[in-house]
Structure formats: structure tokens, C-alpha cells
Protein backbone atom coordinates (compact mmCIF):
# COMPACT_ATOMS: atom_id res chain seq x y z
CA MET A 1 -23.75 35.38 2.78
CA LEU A 2 -21.44 32.08 2.26
CA GLU A 3 -23.09 31.25 -0.94
CA LYS A 4 -21.48 34.82 -2.42
CA LEU A 5 -17.90 33.20 -2.07
CA GLY A 6 -19.13 30.59 -4.62
CA ASP A 7 -16.69 27.95 -2.71
CA PRO A 8 -18.76 24.61 -2.17
CA TYR A 9 -16.37 23.83 1.17
CA THR A 10 -16.43 27.26 3.08
CA ARG A 11 -19.74 26.44 4.96
CA ILE A 12 -20.91 26.06 8.56
CA VAL A 13 -21.18 22.68 10.05
CA GLY A 14 -24.07 23.34 13.00
CA ALA A 15 -23.15 22.42 16.55
CA SER A 16 -25.55 19.21 16.47
CA GLN A 17 -23.03 17.55 13.86
CA SER A 18 -19.44 19.95 15.26
CA SER A 19 -19.11 16.37 17.38
CA ALA A 20 -19.16 14.03 14.52
CA PHE A 21 -17.02 16.23 12.41
CA GLN A 22 -14.23 16.00 15.40
CA THR A 23 -14.94 12.38 15.49
CA ASP A 24 -14.14 12.54 11.63
CA THR A 25 -10.76 14.29 12.28
CA THR A 26 -9.84 12.36 15.82
CA GLY A 27 -10.74 9.02 14.78
CA GLU A 28 -11.88 8.06 17.82
CA LEU A 29 -15.38 8.01 20.07
CA ALA A 30 -14.36 9.53 23.50
CA GLY A 31 -15.02 7.04 26.49
CA ALA A 32 -15.72 4.12 24.65
CA LEU A 33 -13.46 0.59 24.57
CA LEU A 34 -14.19 -1.69 21.44
CA VAL A 35 -13.01 -5.49 21.09
CA ALA A 36 -10.59 -4.74 18.12
CA GLY A 37 -9.29 -8.29 18.17
CA VAL A 38 -9.87 -12.31 19.69
CA MET A 39 -7.28 -14.49 19.32
CA GLU A 40 -8.64 -17.92 17.17
CA GLY A 41 -9.35 -20.37 19.29
CA SER A 42 -9.14 -18.42 22.53
CA ALA A 43 -11.64 -18.89 25.34
CA ALA A 44 -12.84 -15.41 24.36
CA GLU A 45 -13.73 -16.98 20.90
CA ARG A 46 -15.04 -19.68 22.39
CA ALA A 47 -17.67 -17.55 24.62
CA GLY A 48 -19.11 -15.63 21.67
CA VAL A 49 -16.58 -12.28 22.22
CA ALA A 50 -16.61 -10.57 18.51
CA VAL A 51 -14.50 -8.03 16.84
CA GLY A 52 -16.77 -4.52 16.94
CA ASP A 53 -18.47 -5.58 20.48
CA GLU A 54 -18.15 -2.67 23.37
CA LEU A 55 -16.50 -3.37 26.42
CA LEU A 56 -18.88 -1.93 29.16
CA ALA A 57 -17.52 -3.39 31.86
CA ILE A 58 -14.47 -5.10 33.11
CA ASN A 59 -14.50 -7.53 36.77
CA GLY A 60 -17.53 -4.78 37.60
CA CYS A 61 -15.72 -1.56 36.73
CA GLU A 62 -16.96 0.61 34.20
CA ALA A 63 -14.19 -0.23 31.21
CA ALA A 64 -14.51 3.65 29.96
CA ALA A 65 -13.46 4.78 33.20
CA LEU A 66 -10.46 2.69 33.57
CA PRO A 67 -7.10 3.42 32.21
CA GLU A 68 -6.10 1.80 28.71
CA GLU A 69 -3.22 -0.16 30.18
CA GLU A 70 -4.69 -1.22 33.37
CA ALA A 71 -7.77 -1.92 31.13
CA ALA A 72 -5.31 -3.68 28.98
CA ALA A 73 -3.75 -5.82 31.49
CA LEU A 74 -7.24 -7.27 33.23
CA LEU A 75 -8.20 -8.55 30.01
CA GLN A 76 -4.63 -11.16 30.08
CA HIS A 77 -6.31 -12.85 33.43
CA ASP A 78 -9.68 -14.28 33.87
CA ALA A 79 -12.19 -11.70 33.69
CA GLU A 80 -16.07 -11.12 33.74
CA LEU A 81 -17.12 -9.16 31.02
CA VAL A 82 -19.80 -6.99 30.04
CA LEU A 83 -20.19 -6.19 26.54
CA LEU A 84 -22.67 -4.44 24.15
CA ARG A 85 -23.18 -5.73 20.55
CA THR A 86 -26.03 -4.18 18.54
CA GLY A 87 -27.93 -2.68 21.47
CA VAL A 88 -28.20 -5.78 23.15
CA ARG A 89 -26.72 -6.45 26.79
CA ALA A 90 -24.75 -9.64 27.05
CA VAL A 91 -22.75 -10.33 30.39
CA LEU A 92 -20.60 -13.72 30.27
CA GLY A 93 -18.88 -15.13 32.82
CA ALA A 94 -16.05 -15.48 34.26
CA GLN A 95 -13.49 -16.71 31.63
CA HIS A 96 -9.58 -16.44 30.40
CA MET A 97 -10.09 -14.13 27.71
CA ARG A 98 -6.96 -12.39 25.65
CA LEU A 99 -8.54 -9.59 24.15
CA ALA A 100 -7.08 -6.62 22.38
CA ALA A 101 -8.95 -3.57 24.11
CA LEU A 102 -8.69 0.02 22.25
CA PRO A 103 -10.36 3.59 21.94
CA VAL A 104 -13.06 3.11 19.46
CA GLN A 105 -11.75 4.04 15.82
CA VAL A 106 -14.48 5.16 13.66
CA TYR A 107 -12.34 5.32 10.94
CA PRO A 108 -9.64 2.70 11.54
CA VAL A 109 -6.63 1.61 9.25
CA HIS A 110 -6.96 -1.87 8.36
CA TYR A 111 -4.22 -4.09 7.32
CA ALA A 112 -3.73 -7.83 6.21
CA THR A 113 -1.33 -10.24 4.16
CA LEU A 114 -2.02 -12.49 1.36
CA PRO A 115 -0.52 -14.32 -1.25
CA GLY A 116 0.28 -12.45 -4.55
CA ASP A 117 0.53 -14.33 -8.17
CA ASP A 118 4.25 -15.00 -7.70
CA GLY A 119 3.66 -16.85 -4.65
CA ARG A 120 5.49 -13.99 -2.64
CA MET A 121 3.69 -11.88 0.12
CA LEU A 122 2.02 -8.96 -0.19
CA GLY A 123 0.70 -6.72 2.29
CA TYR A 124 -2.86 -4.64 2.10
CA ILE A 125 -3.56 -1.68 4.15
CA SER A 126 -6.59 0.21 4.27
CA ILE A 127 -7.15 3.98 5.46
CA GLN A 128 -10.49 5.23 5.55
CA SER A 129 -10.00 8.62 6.63
CA PHE A 130 -7.20 10.79 8.08
CA GLY A 131 -7.18 11.43 11.77
CA SER A 132 -5.23 12.42 14.76
CA SER A 133 -3.97 8.47 14.73
CA THR A 134 -3.71 7.32 11.41
CA ALA A 135 -0.08 8.09 10.84
CA ALA A 136 0.84 6.31 13.85
CA ASP A 137 -1.38 3.37 13.25
CA THR A 138 -0.11 2.94 9.62
CA ARG A 139 3.61 2.85 10.95
CA ALA A 140 2.65 0.10 13.07
CA ALA A 141 0.57 -1.89 10.70
CA LEU A 142 3.61 -1.27 8.29
CA ALA A 143 5.61 -2.83 10.67
CA VAL A 144 3.62 -6.07 11.43
CA LEU A 145 3.47 -6.28 7.33
CA GLU A 146 7.07 -5.88 7.25
CA ALA A 147 7.61 -8.58 10.04
CA ARG A 148 5.47 -10.98 7.76
CA GLY A 149 7.85 -10.41 5.18
CA ALA A 150 6.03 -8.54 2.61
CA ALA A 151 7.42 -7.96 -0.30
CA GLY A 152 4.88 -5.56 -1.72
CA TYR A 153 2.15 -3.12 -0.77
CA VAL A 154 -1.50 -2.10 -1.84
CA MET A 155 -2.95 1.16 0.05
CA ASP A 156 -6.53 1.23 -0.44
CA LEU A 157 -8.14 5.05 -0.28
CA ARG A 158 -11.02 4.30 -2.02
CA ASN A 159 -14.01 5.86 -0.39
CA ASN A 160 -11.51 7.65 1.75
CA GLY A 161 -13.11 11.55 1.61
CA GLY A 162 -9.83 13.04 3.55
CA GLY A 163 -8.91 14.37 6.87
CA LEU A 164 -6.29 15.83 8.50
CA VAL A 165 -3.66 17.22 6.30
CA SER A 166 -0.69 16.21 8.60
CA ALA A 167 -1.99 12.48 8.91
CA GLY A 168 -1.85 12.27 4.37
CA MET A 169 2.13 13.87 5.56
CA GLY A 170 3.07 11.41 8.33
CA ILE A 171 2.05 8.53 6.19
CA ALA A 172 4.07 9.92 2.89
CA GLU A 173 6.87 10.15 5.22
CA LEU A 174 6.96 6.15 6.03
CA PHE A 175 7.44 5.68 2.12
CA LEU A 176 9.43 8.53 0.90
CA PRO A 177 13.08 9.78 1.76
CA HIS A 178 13.91 13.05 4.07
CA ASP A 179 12.68 16.39 2.19
CA SER A 180 10.49 14.83 -0.48
CA VAL A 181 7.92 17.32 -1.47
CA PHE A 182 4.71 16.59 -0.66
CA CYS A 183 2.78 19.09 -2.72
CA TYR A 184 2.89 22.48 -3.69
CA VAL A 185 0.71 25.60 -1.90
CA VAL A 186 -0.73 28.14 -4.59
CA ASP A 187 -1.01 31.23 -3.46
CA ARG A 188 -4.69 33.24 -3.80
CA GLU A 189 -3.35 35.58 -6.33
CA ALA A 190 -1.80 32.39 -8.64
CA ALA A 191 1.27 34.35 -8.64
CA GLY A 192 3.29 31.40 -7.33
CA GLU A 193 3.75 27.98 -6.02
CA ALA A 194 5.53 27.31 -2.29
CA PRO A 195 6.57 23.31 -1.46
CA VAL A 196 5.34 21.62 1.71
CA THR A 197 8.44 19.48 2.20
CA LEU A 198 8.65 16.35 4.67
CA GLU A 199 11.25 17.09 7.11
CA ALA A 200 10.61 13.96 9.19
CA ALA A 201 10.31 11.62 6.02
CA HIS A 202 12.06 8.43 6.62
CA ALA A 203 11.24 5.67 4.42
CA ILE A 204 10.77 2.37 6.57
CA THR A 205 10.27 0.12 3.19
CA SER A 206 11.13 0.21 -0.65
CA ALA A 207 8.67 -2.65 -1.33
CA PRO A 208 6.88 -1.46 -4.64
CA LEU A 209 3.22 -0.06 -3.98
CA VAL A 210 -0.01 0.18 -5.71
CA ILE A 211 -2.74 2.76 -4.21
CA LEU A 212 -6.17 2.45 -5.48
CA VAL A 213 -8.68 5.28 -5.65
CA ASN A 214 -11.63 5.82 -6.87
CA GLY A 215 -14.55 8.64 -7.30
CA GLU A 216 -14.79 9.11 -3.70
CA THR A 217 -10.92 9.40 -3.32
CA ALA A 218 -10.94 13.19 -2.24
CA SER A 219 -8.70 15.66 -0.53
CA THR A 220 -5.74 14.63 1.62
CA SER A 221 -6.43 11.17 -0.16
CA GLU A 222 -5.27 13.00 -3.51
CA MET A 223 -2.73 14.77 -1.96
CA LEU A 224 -1.13 11.56 -0.51
CA THR A 225 -1.33 9.66 -3.69
CA GLY A 226 -0.27 12.86 -5.42
CA ALA A 227 2.81 12.72 -3.27
CA LEU A 228 3.79 8.92 -3.82
CA HIS A 229 2.80 8.89 -7.58
CA ALA A 230 4.96 12.31 -8.20
CA ALA A 231 8.02 10.79 -6.73
CA GLY A 232 7.56 7.54 -8.77
CA ARG A 233 7.14 5.21 -5.10
CA ALA A 234 3.49 4.07 -6.59
CA VAL A 235 1.28 3.50 -9.38
CA THR A 236 -2.52 3.98 -9.24
CA ALA A 237 -5.09 1.48 -10.01
CA GLY A 238 -9.07 2.11 -9.94
CA ALA A 239 -11.26 5.17 -11.35
CA HIS A 240 -10.86 9.07 -11.28
CA THR A 241 -10.58 10.77 -7.93
CA PHE A 242 -12.86 13.50 -6.92
CA GLY A 243 -11.27 16.20 -7.31
CA LYS A 244 -10.61 18.49 -4.05
CA GLY A 245 -7.51 20.58 -3.42
CA ARG A 246 -7.68 22.92 -1.23
CA THR A 247 -6.68 23.32 2.67
CA GLN A 248 -9.17 24.39 5.14
CA ARG A 249 -8.93 25.76 8.55
CA VAL A 250 -11.28 24.95 11.17
CA LEU A 251 -12.66 27.72 13.34
CA PRO A 252 -15.08 26.85 16.02
CA MET A 253 -17.76 29.12 17.00
CA ARG A 254 -19.67 30.39 20.30
CA ASP A 255 -22.81 28.67 19.53
CA GLY A 256 -20.87 25.17 19.54
CA SER A 257 -20.68 25.41 15.55
CA THR A 258 -17.96 25.12 13.36
CA LEU A 259 -16.57 27.35 10.41
CA LEU A 260 -14.79 25.49 7.63
CA VAL A 261 -13.03 28.42 5.36
CA SER A 262 -10.86 27.02 2.18
CA ALA A 263 -7.37 28.39 3.00
CA SER A 264 -5.00 27.44 -0.03
CA LEU A 265 -5.30 25.44 -3.20
CA VAL A 266 -2.46 22.52 -3.75
CA THR A 267 -1.32 20.85 -6.34
CA THR A 268 1.00 17.79 -6.64
CA PRO A 269 4.52 17.73 -6.42
CA ALA A 270 4.80 17.18 -10.21
CA HIS A 271 2.53 20.38 -10.55
CA GLU A 272 -0.84 18.55 -11.29
CA ARG A 273 -3.99 20.34 -10.43
CA ILE A 274 -6.18 18.23 -8.27
CA ASP A 275 -9.14 20.77 -6.91
CA LYS A 276 -12.12 20.13 -9.73
CA VAL A 277 -9.90 18.22 -12.10
CA GLY A 278 -8.91 15.26 -9.76
CA LEU A 279 -6.11 12.64 -10.60
CA GLU A 280 -6.64 10.04 -13.15
CA PRO A 281 -5.30 6.23 -12.33
CA ASP A 282 -2.19 4.56 -14.13
CA MET A 283 -4.88 1.06 -14.19
CA ALA A 284 -8.14 1.21 -14.88
CA CYS A 285 -10.68 -1.11 -12.94
CA PRO A 286 -14.39 -0.92 -12.26
CA ALA A 287 -15.66 1.84 -11.28
CA ASN A 288 -18.01 0.33 -8.33
CA ALA A 289 -15.41 -1.61 -7.21
CA GLY A 290 -15.02 -0.22 -3.48
CA PRO A 291 -13.40 -1.26 -0.26
CA PRO A 292 -14.66 -4.99 0.40
CA ALA A 293 -17.71 -6.12 2.99
CA ALA A 294 -14.96 -7.31 5.38
CA MET A 295 -14.02 -3.88 6.11
CA THR A 296 -17.08 -3.10 8.07
CA PRO A 297 -17.35 -3.12 11.27
CA ALA A 298 -19.44 -6.35 11.62
CA GLY A 299 -16.47 -7.99 9.88
CA ARG A 300 -13.29 -6.45 10.15
CA SER A 301 -11.76 -10.02 11.37
CA GLU A 302 -8.42 -10.23 8.78
CA ARG A 303 -9.40 -13.77 7.61
CA ALA A 304 -12.91 -11.84 6.61
CA LEU A 305 -11.05 -8.93 5.18
CA VAL A 306 -8.97 -11.10 2.83
CA ALA A 307 -11.77 -13.30 1.65
CA GLY A 308 -13.42 -10.04 0.75
CA LEU A 309 -10.23 -9.05 -1.13
CA ARG A 310 -9.89 -12.06 -2.84
CA GLU A 311 -13.59 -11.14 -4.41
CA ASP A 312 -12.33 -7.61 -5.16
CA ALA A 313 -11.58 -7.00 -9.27
CA CYS A 314 -9.23 -3.70 -8.28
CA MET A 315 -7.39 -5.90 -6.05
CA ARG A 316 -6.78 -8.28 -8.21
CA VAL A 317 -5.46 -5.77 -10.60
CA ALA A 318 -3.20 -4.30 -8.42
CA VAL A 319 -1.63 -7.41 -7.20
CA ARG A 320 -0.98 -8.37 -11.26
CA ALA A 321 0.98 -4.83 -11.16
CA LEU A 322 2.90 -5.94 -8.14
CA ALA A 323 3.83 -9.23 -9.43
CA SER A 324 4.75 -7.24 -12.94
CA GLN A 325 7.60 -5.32 -11.06
CA ALA A 326 9.16 -8.70 -8.86
């Protein structure tokens, strides 16, 4: 029946896949704690604790059952941890371990600082999907990078297929002034457009910005890119984007499945059509260039991330662009 609509994005997600879909939009796995950071030179690092390890128990208590604040407090003192790493159970003896324990983030926000071509410090932020915590995580990352003296930014939206539109709006609010237009919503009869404005916008940085995109940059990613680009707030680099400019309604079904229904077409604030067209970047870089391997769960330390970025062709294009804007 749905095939008759001629819309590939209106579809039913089966019950077995609905939990995965919810993970895509919330960005977290309930009931799990992941090591998000290990201090360099700490006892935890010497004991072999690694970013990405899942915490099963802290001092004999089930980690997932502990309130987040209590778990964080316990990890500031000598602690006996039970970890799960790639399916292998490992017990570490009592040691002084200062760890950052956070809910498992399937699509986290990665960030790092690295020197630009002109010697100034640059901030890099990679957003892999738009979940319920993505805007807050991006704000926190920007606060750290601003404190480090970042003079320019690269926002990496390559391979980001979208997510919550509200999350994309929340990120745009960090770069744009009050009441900026995020996008226009086109009615079904294409008789007119209604602006979607950022009423809570309050830019926390005015530093130059480059957005990296590719053929897998879609939906909310394209909307965010279009909003920042149309406002003259960012230049873009990479490859032509996917071309999905539709909002969707999410309707839970009684059998546990989820019905996704296309609701509206959107255009950028510059009235550029996104759906089935995509966005052309200002500067081209290899189409097969993508986020570095440092962004996989096996290697999310900032040191590994920066090492990967130095080998990233699109990142080099972005760094040169930021140097030219100095």
C-alpha cells in the first residue's frame, strides 16, 4: 500500500528494528556505562583501561544500576572495576582510577584542537547523527574549544544521515543570531513557504567555520549546512550532498513497529531545494574522503583523532580555507 505513495521515505520500521531506530534518535543505549575518557599517565591508563570499555561493575555494584552522579563519584577514588571489552570479561584490581563514565553514546560528538597553517589553534567538531543530546554535547564541545583558544572551526557532517531536526536547530543556534531562519517549510501544494526561525539562537562564537560534507550527508545535516551557509556563517567543502529535504512524523504502532511518514518539504534560507537535489559545496575534495578511522569506538582518544585528521584530504582543504580567512 505504501508503495503507491511514491515516497521512499514513508515506510514501516519493523518491531525488531524500532529499538535501533530509537537509538538513532536518542543517541544512547539505556542501561550501559562506557569509559569516555582516561587521563593520560593515570593509574587507569597503566592498568589498561581504554576508551570504549563498558563498565559492568564498580566496587561490586552493578554499574548500570548506579545513578550517573554516584558512579562518577566512585570513579574518583580507588575502585575495583569489572569491564567488558569486545566481549571479553576482564577484572582489574583496586587502583586509583580517574575515569569519565557516561551513558553509551552510539553517535557521539567528537572534538579536538589542532594547529592551523597560520599557527593559530583550530577546533574540530564531528557530529555523526542528531540525537536528543547532540545540541548539548556540541555546546559543551564548543565551550572546551573556545577555552583552548580556537580561532576557527571545522564541523564535520560527512556520513551524517540526519536525525532530529530539533537537534540541528539547537546546533544552528550556537552559531547564528536571534530569530535567524533555519529553513523554509513548503506546503504540499507548493503554494508558499513558511519560515522556521531560531527564536532561542544566541551565537557563542563568531570564529570562521568550514563545514565538511559528502554524498552521505543528508536530511537534518543538509538543513543545518544550508542554514549556516545561507547566513554567510560558514563555507562548505567536500562532495555533493545526498539530497533528502523532508521532515518526517514518527508514529508508534501497536505491534511495536514504527510508521515513518513524510510530512513536509524544506528549502534552505536561500530558497535552495534540498530534496532529490542536494547541496553543492563551495570547495571540492575527494569524494571518497570520509571521517578518519580515529572516530571509531576502538580509537576515540583525541590524540588518535588528531593523527587521523592530519591524513584527511578534506580536512587539509578546510584548514587552508580557515587560514585564508584570518
